[in-house]
PDB file of N, CA and C in Angstrom:
ATOM      1  N   MET A   1      15.315  48.201  23.186  1.00  0.00           N
ATOM      2  CA  MET A   1      16.739  47.912  22.262  1.00  0.00           C
ATOM      3  C   MET A   1      17.579  47.409  22.176  1.00  0.00           C
ATOM      4  N   THR A   2      18.270  46.367  21.550  1.00  0.00           N
ATOM      5  CA  THR A   2      19.294  45.813  22.004  1.00  0.00           C
ATOM      6  C   THR A   2      20.451  46.430  20.756  1.00  0.00           C
ATOM      7  N   ILE A   3      21.595  45.437  21.629  1.00  0.00           N
ATOM      8  CA  ILE A   3      22.881  46.294  20.530  1.00  0.00           C
ATOM      9  C   ILE A   3      22.961  45.487  18.955  1.00  0.00           C
ATOM     10  N   ASP A   4      21.867  44.455  19.313  1.00  0.00           N
ATOM     11  CA  ASP A   4      21.549  43.608  17.641  1.00  0.00           C
ATOM     12  C   ASP A   4      20.741  44.327  17.074  1.00  0.00           C
ATOM     13  N   ASP A   5      19.714  45.413  17.563  1.00  0.00           N
ATOM     14  CA  ASP A   5      18.952  46.092  17.026  1.00  0.00           C
ATOM     15  C   ASP A   5      19.491  47.074  16.366  1.00  0.00           C
ATOM     16  N   LEU A   6      20.468  47.861  17.322  1.00  0.00           N
ATOM     17  CA  LEU A   6      21.398  49.313  16.600  1.00  0.00           C
ATOM     18  C   LEU A   6      22.349  48.292  15.209  1.00  0.00           C
ATOM     19  N   LYS A   7      22.805  47.176  15.584  1.00  0.00           N
ATOM     20  CA  LYS A   7      23.732  46.844  14.262  1.00  0.00           C
ATOM     21  C   LYS A   7      22.329  46.503  13.027  1.00  0.00           C
ATOM     22  N   ASN A   8      21.504  46.058  13.197  1.00  0.00           N
ATOM     23  CA  ASN A   8      20.511  45.287  12.198  1.00  0.00           C
ATOM     24  C   ASN A   8      20.413  46.989  11.801  1.00  0.00           C
ATOM     25  N   PHE A   9      20.076  48.413  12.566  1.00  0.00           N
ATOM     26  CA  PHE A   9      19.847  49.459  12.062  1.00  0.00           C
ATOM     27  C   PHE A   9      20.877  49.972  11.288  1.00  0.00           C
ATOM     28  N   VAL A  10      22.275  49.806  11.126  1.00  0.00           N
ATOM     29  CA  VAL A  10      23.432  50.354  10.667  1.00  0.00           C
ATOM     30  C   VAL A  10      23.845  49.702   9.406  1.00  0.00           C
ATOM     31  N   VAL A  11      23.179  48.111   9.487  1.00  0.00           N
ATOM     32  CA  VAL A  11      23.276  47.233   8.011  1.00  0.00           C
ATOM     33  C   VAL A  11      22.529  47.833   7.503  1.00  0.00           C
ATOM     34  N   LEU A  12      20.990  48.157   7.615  1.00  0.00           N
ATOM     35  CA  LEU A  12      20.166  48.575   6.748  1.00  0.00           C
ATOM     36  C   LEU A  12      20.602  49.896   6.432  1.00  0.00           C
ATOM     37  N   TYR A  13      21.115  50.846   7.466  1.00  0.00           N
ATOM     38  CA  TYR A  13      21.497  51.949   6.892  1.00  0.00           C
ATOM     39  C   TYR A  13      22.435  51.635   5.429  1.00  0.00           C
ATOM     40  N   GLN A  14      23.470  50.990   5.908  1.00  0.00           N
ATOM     41  CA  GLN A  14      24.453  51.008   4.343  1.00  0.00           C
ATOM     42  C   GLN A  14      24.044  50.337   3.316  1.00  0.00           C
ATOM     43  N   THR A  15      23.203  49.362   3.761  1.00  0.00           N
ATOM     44  CA  THR A  15      22.402  48.895   2.377  1.00  0.00           C
ATOM     45  C   THR A  15      21.698  49.494   1.497  1.00  0.00           C
ATOM     46  N   ARG A  16      20.923  50.256   2.285  1.00  0.00           N
ATOM     47  CA  ARG A  16      19.842  51.027   1.879  1.00  0.00           C
ATOM     48  C   ARG A  16      18.759  49.930   1.427  1.00  0.00           C
ATOM     49  N   ASN A  17      18.969  48.967   1.771  1.00  0.00           N
ATOM     50  CA  ASN A  17      17.887  47.853   1.047  1.00  0.00           C
ATOM     51  C   ASN A  17      17.553  46.890   1.946  1.00  0.00           C
ATOM     52  N   VAL A  18      16.093  46.513   2.443  1.00  0.00           N
ATOM     53  CA  VAL A  18      15.797  45.778   3.652  1.00  0.00           C
ATOM     54  C   VAL A  18      16.366  44.380   3.385  1.00  0.00           C
ATOM     55  N   SER A  19      16.136  44.061   1.787  1.00  0.00           N
ATOM     56  CA  SER A  19      16.115  42.033   1.568  1.00  0.00           C
ATOM     57  C   SER A  19      17.659  42.417   1.655  1.00  0.00           C
ATOM     58  N   ASP A  20      18.833  42.981   0.533  1.00  0.00           N
ATOM     59  CA  ASP A  20      20.097  43.112   1.394  1.00  0.00           C
ATOM     60  C   ASP A  20      20.375  43.135   2.774  1.00  0.00           C
ATOM     61  N   ALA A  21      20.015  43.598   3.257  1.00  0.00           N
ATOM     62  CA  ALA A  21      20.045  43.512   4.691  1.00  0.00           C
ATOM     63  C   ALA A  21      19.886  43.043   5.368  1.00  0.00           C
ATOM     64  N   ALA A  22      18.490  41.987   5.578  1.00  0.00           N
ATOM     65  CA  ALA A  22      18.042  40.573   5.744  1.00  0.00           C
ATOM     66  C   ALA A  22      19.057  39.714   5.549  1.00  0.00           C
ATOM     67  N   VAL A  23      19.384  39.722   4.232  1.00  0.00           N
ATOM     68  CA  VAL A  23      20.650  38.188   3.511  1.00  0.00           C
ATOM     69  C   VAL A  23      21.598  38.654   4.808  1.00  0.00           C
ATOM     70  N   GLU A  24      22.203  40.376   4.669  1.00  0.00           N
ATOM     71  CA  GLU A  24      23.399  40.185   5.543  1.00  0.00           C
ATOM     72  C   GLU A  24      23.607  39.629   6.934  1.00  0.00           C
ATOM     73  N   LEU A  25      22.159  40.101   7.478  1.00  0.00           N
ATOM     74  CA  LEU A  25      22.191  39.720   8.713  1.00  0.00           C
ATOM     75  C   LEU A  25      21.754  38.255   9.112  1.00  0.00           C
ATOM     76  N   LEU A  26      21.512  37.368   8.271  1.00  0.00           N
ATOM     77  CA  LEU A  26      20.669  36.098   8.018  1.00  0.00           C
ATOM     78  C   LEU A  26      19.485  36.128   9.022  1.00  0.00           C
ATOM     79  N   MET A  27      18.615  36.845   8.387  1.00  0.00           N
ATOM     80  CA  MET A  27      17.482  37.072   8.668  1.00  0.00           C
ATOM     81  C   MET A  27      16.344  37.463   8.021  1.00  0.00           C
ATOM     82  N   THR A  28      14.843  36.992   7.894  1.00  0.00           N
ATOM     83  CA  THR A  28      13.869  37.299   7.438  1.00  0.00           C
ATOM     84  C   THR A  28      13.809  38.756   6.573  1.00  0.00           C
ATOM     85  N   GLN A  29      13.474  39.359   5.896  1.00  0.00           N
ATOM     86  CA  GLN A  29      12.876  40.853   5.419  1.00  0.00           C
ATOM     87  C   GLN A  29      11.653  40.919   6.670  1.00  0.00           C
ATOM     88  N   SER A  30      11.070  40.117   7.253  1.00  0.00           N
ATOM     89  CA  SER A  30       9.851  40.280   8.085  1.00  0.00           C
ATOM     90  C   SER A  30      10.130  40.695   9.189  1.00  0.00           C
ATOM     91  N   ALA A  31      11.264  39.810   9.692  1.00  0.00           N
ATOM     92  CA  ALA A  31      12.006  39.803  11.037  1.00  0.00           C
ATOM     93  C   ALA A  31      12.538  41.193  11.348  1.00  0.00           C
ATOM     94  N   LEU A  32      13.432  41.661  10.455  1.00  0.00           N
ATOM     95  CA  LEU A  32      14.219  42.674  10.406  1.00  0.00           C
ATOM     96  C   LEU A  32      13.362  44.000  10.078  1.00  0.00           C
ATOM     97  N   SER A  33      12.002  44.003   9.683  1.00  0.00           N
ATOM     98  CA  SER A  33      11.393  45.422   9.596  1.00  0.00           C
ATOM     99  C   SER A  33      10.500  45.080  10.980  1.00  0.00           C
ATOM    100  N   LYS A  34       9.913  44.399  11.493  1.00  0.00           N
ATOM    101  CA  LYS A  34       9.701  44.310  13.170  1.00  0.00           C
ATOM    102  C   LYS A  34      10.529  44.738  13.874  1.00  0.00           C
ATOM    103  N   ARG A  35      12.018  44.373  13.579  1.00  0.00           N
ATOM    104  CA  ARG A  35      12.530  44.762  14.567  1.00  0.00           C
ATOM    105  C   ARG A  35      12.871  46.826  14.516  1.00  0.00           C
ATOM    106  N   ILE A  36      13.158  46.784  13.314  1.00  0.00           N
ATOM    107  CA  ILE A  36      12.982  48.402  13.112  1.00  0.00           C
ATOM    108  C   ILE A  36      11.736  49.421  12.992  1.00  0.00           C
ATOM    109  N   HIS A  37      10.707  48.205  13.283  1.00  0.00           N
ATOM    110  CA  HIS A  37       9.556  48.918  13.606  1.00  0.00           C
ATOM    111  C   HIS A  37       9.427  49.358  14.970  1.00  0.00           C
ATOM    112  N   ALA A  38       9.958  47.809  15.695  1.00  0.00           N
ATOM    113  CA  ALA A  38       9.834  48.090  17.145  1.00  0.00           C
ATOM    114  C   ALA A  38      10.869  49.396  17.652  1.00  0.00           C
ATOM    115  N   MET A  39      12.057  49.524  17.279  1.00  0.00           N
ATOM    116  CA  MET A  39      12.757  50.468  17.839  1.00  0.00           C
ATOM    117  C   MET A  39      12.106  51.846  17.410  1.00  0.00           C
ATOM    118  N   GLU A  40      11.458  51.876  16.022  1.00  0.00           N
ATOM    119  CA  GLU A  40      10.744  53.243  16.105  1.00  0.00           C
ATOM    120  C   GLU A  40       9.737  53.246  16.987  1.00  0.00           C
ATOM    121  N   ASN A  41       9.082  52.580  17.357  1.00  0.00           N
ATOM    122  CA  ASN A  41       8.041  52.784  18.440  1.00  0.00           C
ATOM    123  C   ASN A  41       8.576  53.000  19.858  1.00  0.00           C
ATOM    124  N   GLU A  42       9.466  52.501  20.098  1.00  0.00           N
ATOM    125  CA  GLU A  42      10.343  52.425  21.381  1.00  0.00           C
ATOM    126  C   GLU A  42      10.704  54.352  21.573  1.00  0.00           C
ATOM    127  N   LEU A  43      11.518  54.729  20.141  1.00  0.00           N
ATOM    128  CA  LEU A  43      12.593  55.852  20.571  1.00  0.00           C
ATOM    129  C   LEU A  43      11.098  57.163  20.079  1.00  0.00           C
ATOM    130  N   ASP A  44       9.904  56.279  19.369  1.00  0.00           N
ATOM    131  CA  ASP A  44       8.996  57.476  19.390  1.00  0.00           C
ATOM    132  C   ASP A  44       8.954  58.854  18.207  1.00  0.00           C
ATOM    133  N   THR A  45       9.800  57.769  17.172  1.00  0.00           N
ATOM    134  CA  THR A  45      10.789  58.415  16.075  1.00  0.00           C
ATOM    135  C   THR A  45       9.992  57.861  14.902  1.00  0.00           C
ATOM    136  N   LYS A  46      10.451  58.085  13.507  1.00  0.00           N
ATOM    137  CA  LYS A  46      10.760  57.379  12.487  1.00  0.00           C
ATOM    138  C   LYS A  46      12.025  57.327  12.038  1.00  0.00           C
ATOM    139  N   LEU A  47      12.969  55.903  11.888  1.00  0.00           N
ATOM    140  CA  LEU A  47      13.970  55.762  11.391  1.00  0.00           C
ATOM    141  C   LEU A  47      14.852  55.365  10.062  1.00  0.00           C
ATOM    142  N   ILE A  48      13.518  55.219   8.920  1.00  0.00           N
ATOM    143  CA  ILE A  48      13.823  55.304   8.000  1.00  0.00           C
ATOM    144  C   ILE A  48      12.373  54.967   7.001  1.00  0.00           C
ATOM    145  N   SER A  49      12.290  55.803   5.685  1.00  0.00           N
ATOM    146  CA  SER A  49      11.091  55.646   5.008  1.00  0.00           C
ATOM    147  C   SER A  49      11.147  54.419   4.279  1.00  0.00           C
ATOM    148  N   TRP A  50       9.728  53.890   4.712  1.00  0.00           N
ATOM    149  CA  TRP A  50       9.780  53.224   3.671  1.00  0.00           C
ATOM    150  C   TRP A  50       8.616  52.919   2.527  1.00  0.00           C
ATOM    151  N   SER A  51       8.904  53.650   2.103  1.00  0.00           N
ATOM    152  CA  SER A  51       7.996  54.021   0.966  1.00  0.00           C
ATOM    153  C   SER A  51       8.959  53.736   0.038  1.00  0.00           C
TER     154      SER A  51
END
């Protein structure tokens, strides 16, 4: 996990929307989702509800 991963999570938390967060972070929704899933796997816990 990197500082950028934590920044991504914070932006996602603040926007509450993957699409909006991805735009703000200048990345694709897919890339953001993959990074969040990688964080969840590394921490062995759910960080957000994907439903």
